[in-house]
């Protein structure tokens, strides 16, 4: 295996892990990083989705106690049953719309200019959501969510099918706009990511299995390991951060980053691969 290719896999894994659970779009960052690293062939697209599994394993590790208690209580605990049902309800819309429109979206929207534009738009939405948050909270904890709350968050998650929107951004900020506290929206986003991203990774690997071979195992293994480590560090930091801070800095980051990408593309300073 080419060492340069393994280094690229490590960089992509770190980018995935650091951005997956922040409201700044992991897919957008992977597209832009892949463009700069010349890591943009069909196999790289499968790689980008597959290494999300490493990030999910990290968040499962962080929440292992809650997951174990929920699994143990499914047969007798109303709390565990309600929580599991809510995650399942929120998961369904992304599955249905992904199967219907996923191929078309990948073919037409996975470009740096689209990513940059949605970065900026998403940043403006975050600023708006944070201004409303002080007076709009009606659901303080994940366990207080109703099935309708879960369905609404699941529908909002579908917006993340447009690259650059951010799955975490859509569910966290969307949840806040729907009345969830910052803490509840963030935690539910983590839980919803588990079936969503594992399902996407397994489906992508199965669908594109003809592109892959045993020789690709080191590439994917490196990406998964670095994604896991980076995501574990990021999730632990984010949980501490949201206890005393808002998401406004991420909004300004999205806006600034999007403007830089559009400017460099327009001026020809950076050739962002399509």
Foldseek 3Di string as FASTA:
>chain_A
DDPLLLVLLLVLLLLLQQAQLAQFFSLLVSLQSCLVSVNDDPVSVLLNLQLNLLLLVLLCVVCVVVVVVLVVCCVPDPLSVQLVLLLVLLQPVLVVVCVVCVVVLVVPQSFNLQLLVLLLVLLVLQVVLVVCQVPQADAEALSSDHSVLSNQLSVQLNVPSRGNRHSNSSQQSSSSVVRYHNLRSSVSSSVSCNCNSVVSSVVSCVVVVVVDDPVCVSSSVSSSNSNNVSNNVNVVVVNVQVVPDGSNVSSVVSNVVSVVSVVCCVVVVRPRDD
